[in-house]
N, C-alpha and C. Protein backbone atom coordinates (compact mmCIF):
# COMPACT_ATOMS: atom_id res chain seq x y z
N UNK A 1 102.51 135.28 99.68
CA UNK A 1 102.61 135.22 98.25
C UNK A 1 102.32 133.83 97.70
N UNK A 2 102.68 132.79 98.44
CA UNK A 2 102.51 131.44 97.94
C UNK A 2 101.03 131.12 97.76
N UNK A 3 100.16 131.68 98.61
CA UNK A 3 98.74 131.42 98.50
C UNK A 3 98.16 131.97 97.20
N UNK A 4 98.67 133.10 96.74
CA UNK A 4 98.19 133.70 95.50
C UNK A 4 98.54 132.85 94.29
N UNK A 5 99.72 132.24 94.30
CA UNK A 5 100.13 131.37 93.20
C UNK A 5 99.25 130.13 93.13
N UNK A 6 98.88 129.63 94.28
CA UNK A 6 98.01 128.46 94.34
C UNK A 6 96.64 128.80 93.77
N UNK A 7 96.12 129.98 94.10
CA UNK A 7 94.82 130.40 93.59
C UNK A 7 94.84 130.54 92.07
N UNK A 8 95.90 131.16 91.56
CA UNK A 8 96.03 131.34 90.11
C UNK A 8 96.12 129.97 89.43
N UNK A 9 96.88 129.08 90.01
CA UNK A 9 97.00 127.73 89.46
C UNK A 9 95.64 127.04 89.40
N UNK A 10 94.86 127.17 90.48
CA UNK A 10 93.53 126.54 90.50
C UNK A 10 92.62 127.16 89.46
N UNK A 11 92.68 128.46 89.28
CA UNK A 11 91.83 129.12 88.27
C UNK A 11 92.23 128.67 86.88
N UNK A 12 93.53 128.65 86.58
CA UNK A 12 93.99 128.21 85.26
C UNK A 12 93.64 126.74 85.03
N UNK A 13 93.78 125.93 86.05
CA UNK A 13 93.44 124.52 85.93
C UNK A 13 91.94 124.35 85.65
N UNK A 14 91.12 125.13 86.34
CA UNK A 14 89.66 125.06 86.13
C UNK A 14 89.30 125.48 84.71
N UNK A 15 89.88 126.59 84.24
CA UNK A 15 89.58 127.08 82.89
C UNK A 15 90.02 126.07 81.84
N UNK A 16 91.23 125.55 81.98
CA UNK A 16 91.72 124.55 81.03
C UNK A 16 90.83 123.31 81.04
N UNK A 17 90.45 122.87 82.22
CA UNK A 17 89.60 121.70 82.35
C UNK A 17 88.25 121.94 81.67
N UNK A 18 87.66 123.10 81.87
CA UNK A 18 86.38 123.42 81.24
C UNK A 18 86.50 123.44 79.72
N UNK A 19 87.58 124.03 79.21
CA UNK A 19 87.77 124.07 77.76
C UNK A 19 87.94 122.68 77.19
N UNK A 20 88.71 121.84 77.86
CA UNK A 20 88.94 120.48 77.38
C UNK A 20 87.66 119.67 77.43
N UNK A 21 86.96 119.73 78.56
CA UNK A 21 85.72 118.96 78.71
C UNK A 21 84.68 119.40 77.69
N UNK A 22 84.49 120.69 77.55
CA UNK A 22 83.51 121.18 76.57
C UNK A 22 83.92 120.84 75.15
N UNK A 23 85.21 120.94 74.87
CA UNK A 23 85.69 120.61 73.53
C UNK A 23 85.46 119.15 73.19
N UNK A 24 85.74 118.27 74.13
CA UNK A 24 85.52 116.84 73.89
C UNK A 24 84.04 116.49 73.85
N UNK A 25 83.26 117.13 74.71
CA UNK A 25 81.82 116.84 74.75
C UNK A 25 81.14 117.22 73.44
N UNK A 26 81.66 118.23 72.77
CA UNK A 26 81.05 118.69 71.53
C UNK A 26 81.73 118.12 70.28
N UNK A 27 82.66 117.22 70.46
CA UNK A 27 83.39 116.65 69.34
C UNK A 27 82.75 115.33 68.92
N UNK A 28 82.24 115.27 67.70
CA UNK A 28 81.62 114.04 67.21
C UNK A 28 82.66 112.93 67.09
N UNK A 29 83.86 113.27 66.70
CA UNK A 29 84.92 112.27 66.58
C UNK A 29 85.23 111.63 67.92
N UNK A 30 85.32 112.45 68.96
CA UNK A 30 85.60 111.90 70.29
C UNK A 30 84.42 111.07 70.77
N UNK A 31 83.22 111.49 70.49
CA UNK A 31 82.04 110.73 70.90
C UNK A 31 82.01 109.36 70.22
N UNK A 32 82.34 109.32 68.94
CA UNK A 32 82.41 108.02 68.23
C UNK A 32 83.48 107.14 68.86
N UNK A 33 84.64 107.73 69.15
CA UNK A 33 85.73 107.00 69.79
C UNK A 33 85.27 106.43 71.13
N UNK A 34 84.58 107.25 71.92
CA UNK A 34 84.12 106.81 73.24
C UNK A 34 83.12 105.66 73.13
N UNK A 35 82.22 105.74 72.18
CA UNK A 35 81.21 104.69 72.00
C UNK A 35 81.88 103.40 71.55
N UNK A 36 82.80 103.50 70.57
CA UNK A 36 83.50 102.29 70.09
C UNK A 36 84.31 101.66 71.21
N UNK A 37 84.99 102.48 71.97
CA UNK A 37 85.81 101.98 73.07
C UNK A 37 84.94 101.29 74.12
N UNK A 38 83.82 101.90 74.43
CA UNK A 38 82.90 101.32 75.41
C UNK A 38 82.38 99.97 74.94
N UNK A 39 82.02 99.87 73.66
CA UNK A 39 81.52 98.60 73.12
C UNK A 39 82.61 97.53 73.16
N UNK A 40 83.84 97.89 72.81
CA UNK A 40 84.94 96.93 72.83
C UNK A 40 85.19 96.43 74.26
N UNK A 41 85.19 97.33 75.21
CA UNK A 41 85.42 96.94 76.61
C UNK A 41 84.30 96.01 77.06
N UNK A 42 83.08 96.31 76.67
CA UNK A 42 81.95 95.45 77.03
C UNK A 42 82.11 94.06 76.40
N UNK A 43 82.55 94.01 75.14
CA UNK A 43 82.77 92.72 74.49
C UNK A 43 83.87 91.93 75.20
N UNK A 44 84.96 92.59 75.54
CA UNK A 44 86.05 91.91 76.24
C UNK A 44 85.59 91.41 77.61
N UNK A 45 84.76 92.18 78.28
CA UNK A 45 84.24 91.76 79.58
C UNK A 45 83.36 90.53 79.44
N UNK A 46 82.54 90.51 78.40
CA UNK A 46 81.69 89.34 78.15
C UNK A 46 82.52 88.10 77.85
N UNK A 47 83.55 88.27 77.03
CA UNK A 47 84.43 87.15 76.70
C UNK A 47 85.15 86.66 77.94
N UNK A 48 85.62 87.58 78.77
CA UNK A 48 86.32 87.20 80.00
C UNK A 48 85.39 86.44 80.94
N UNK A 49 84.15 86.88 81.05
CA UNK A 49 83.18 86.19 81.92
C UNK A 49 82.91 84.78 81.39
N UNK A 50 82.80 84.65 80.07
CA UNK A 50 82.56 83.35 79.46
C UNK A 50 83.75 82.42 79.72
N UNK A 51 84.96 82.93 79.51
CA UNK A 51 86.16 82.11 79.73
C UNK A 51 86.29 81.72 81.21
N UNK A 52 85.93 82.63 82.10
CA UNK A 52 85.98 82.33 83.53
C UNK A 52 85.03 81.19 83.85
N UNK A 53 83.82 81.23 83.28
CA UNK A 53 82.85 80.16 83.51
C UNK A 53 83.35 78.84 82.94
N UNK A 54 83.93 78.88 81.72
CA UNK A 54 84.46 77.66 81.11
C UNK A 54 85.57 77.07 81.97
N UNK A 55 86.44 77.91 82.47
CA UNK A 55 87.54 77.44 83.31
C UNK A 55 87.02 76.84 84.62
N UNK A 56 86.01 77.47 85.21
CA UNK A 56 85.42 76.94 86.44
C UNK A 56 84.80 75.57 86.17
N UNK A 57 84.12 75.43 85.03
CA UNK A 57 83.53 74.14 84.67
C UNK A 57 84.62 73.08 84.47
N UNK A 58 85.71 73.46 83.81
CA UNK A 58 86.81 72.52 83.60
C UNK A 58 87.43 72.09 84.93
N UNK A 59 87.59 73.03 85.83
CA UNK A 59 88.16 72.71 87.14
C UNK A 59 87.21 71.78 87.92
N UNK A 60 85.91 72.04 87.80
CA UNK A 60 84.93 71.20 88.47
C UNK A 60 84.99 69.77 87.92
N UNK A 61 85.06 69.66 86.60
CA UNK A 61 85.15 68.34 85.98
C UNK A 61 86.46 67.64 86.35
N UNK A 62 87.55 68.40 86.39
CA UNK A 62 88.84 67.82 86.75
C UNK A 62 88.82 67.30 88.18
N UNK A 63 88.20 68.05 89.08
CA UNK A 63 88.14 67.59 90.47
C UNK A 63 87.26 66.35 90.60
N UNK A 64 86.20 66.25 89.80
CA UNK A 64 85.37 65.05 89.80
C UNK A 64 86.18 63.85 89.31
N UNK A 65 86.98 64.07 88.26
CA UNK A 65 87.82 62.99 87.73
C UNK A 65 88.84 62.53 88.76
N UNK A 66 89.42 63.45 89.47
CA UNK A 66 90.41 63.10 90.50
C UNK A 66 89.74 62.30 91.60
N UNK A 67 88.55 62.72 92.01
CA UNK A 67 87.83 62.00 93.05
C UNK A 67 87.46 60.58 92.60
N UNK A 68 87.09 60.44 91.33
CA UNK A 68 86.73 59.10 90.84
C UNK A 68 87.96 58.19 90.79
N UNK A 69 89.14 58.73 90.49
CA UNK A 69 90.37 57.93 90.50
C UNK A 69 90.74 57.51 91.92
N UNK A 70 90.49 58.40 92.88
CA UNK A 70 90.81 58.09 94.28
C UNK A 70 89.93 56.96 94.79
N UNK A 71 88.69 56.93 94.34
CA UNK A 71 87.73 55.94 94.81
C UNK A 71 87.94 54.56 94.17
N UNK A 72 88.74 54.47 93.15
CA UNK A 72 88.94 53.18 92.47
C UNK A 72 89.94 52.33 93.15
């Protein structure tokens, strides 16, 4: 009997998943949300990459300054 319950659960899960996916795929509101979210994430990623580069440059300059103090 337990195997039958598992099968029914999988069928219901599949049907619900198909309805949700198709509903969202055909929703203009969800598509706009997805595009805006994607653009924001891309912007944040670009900002993070820029800040990472700036920090690396600052660390490089700081290490040069430390080395110059050691040599004096």
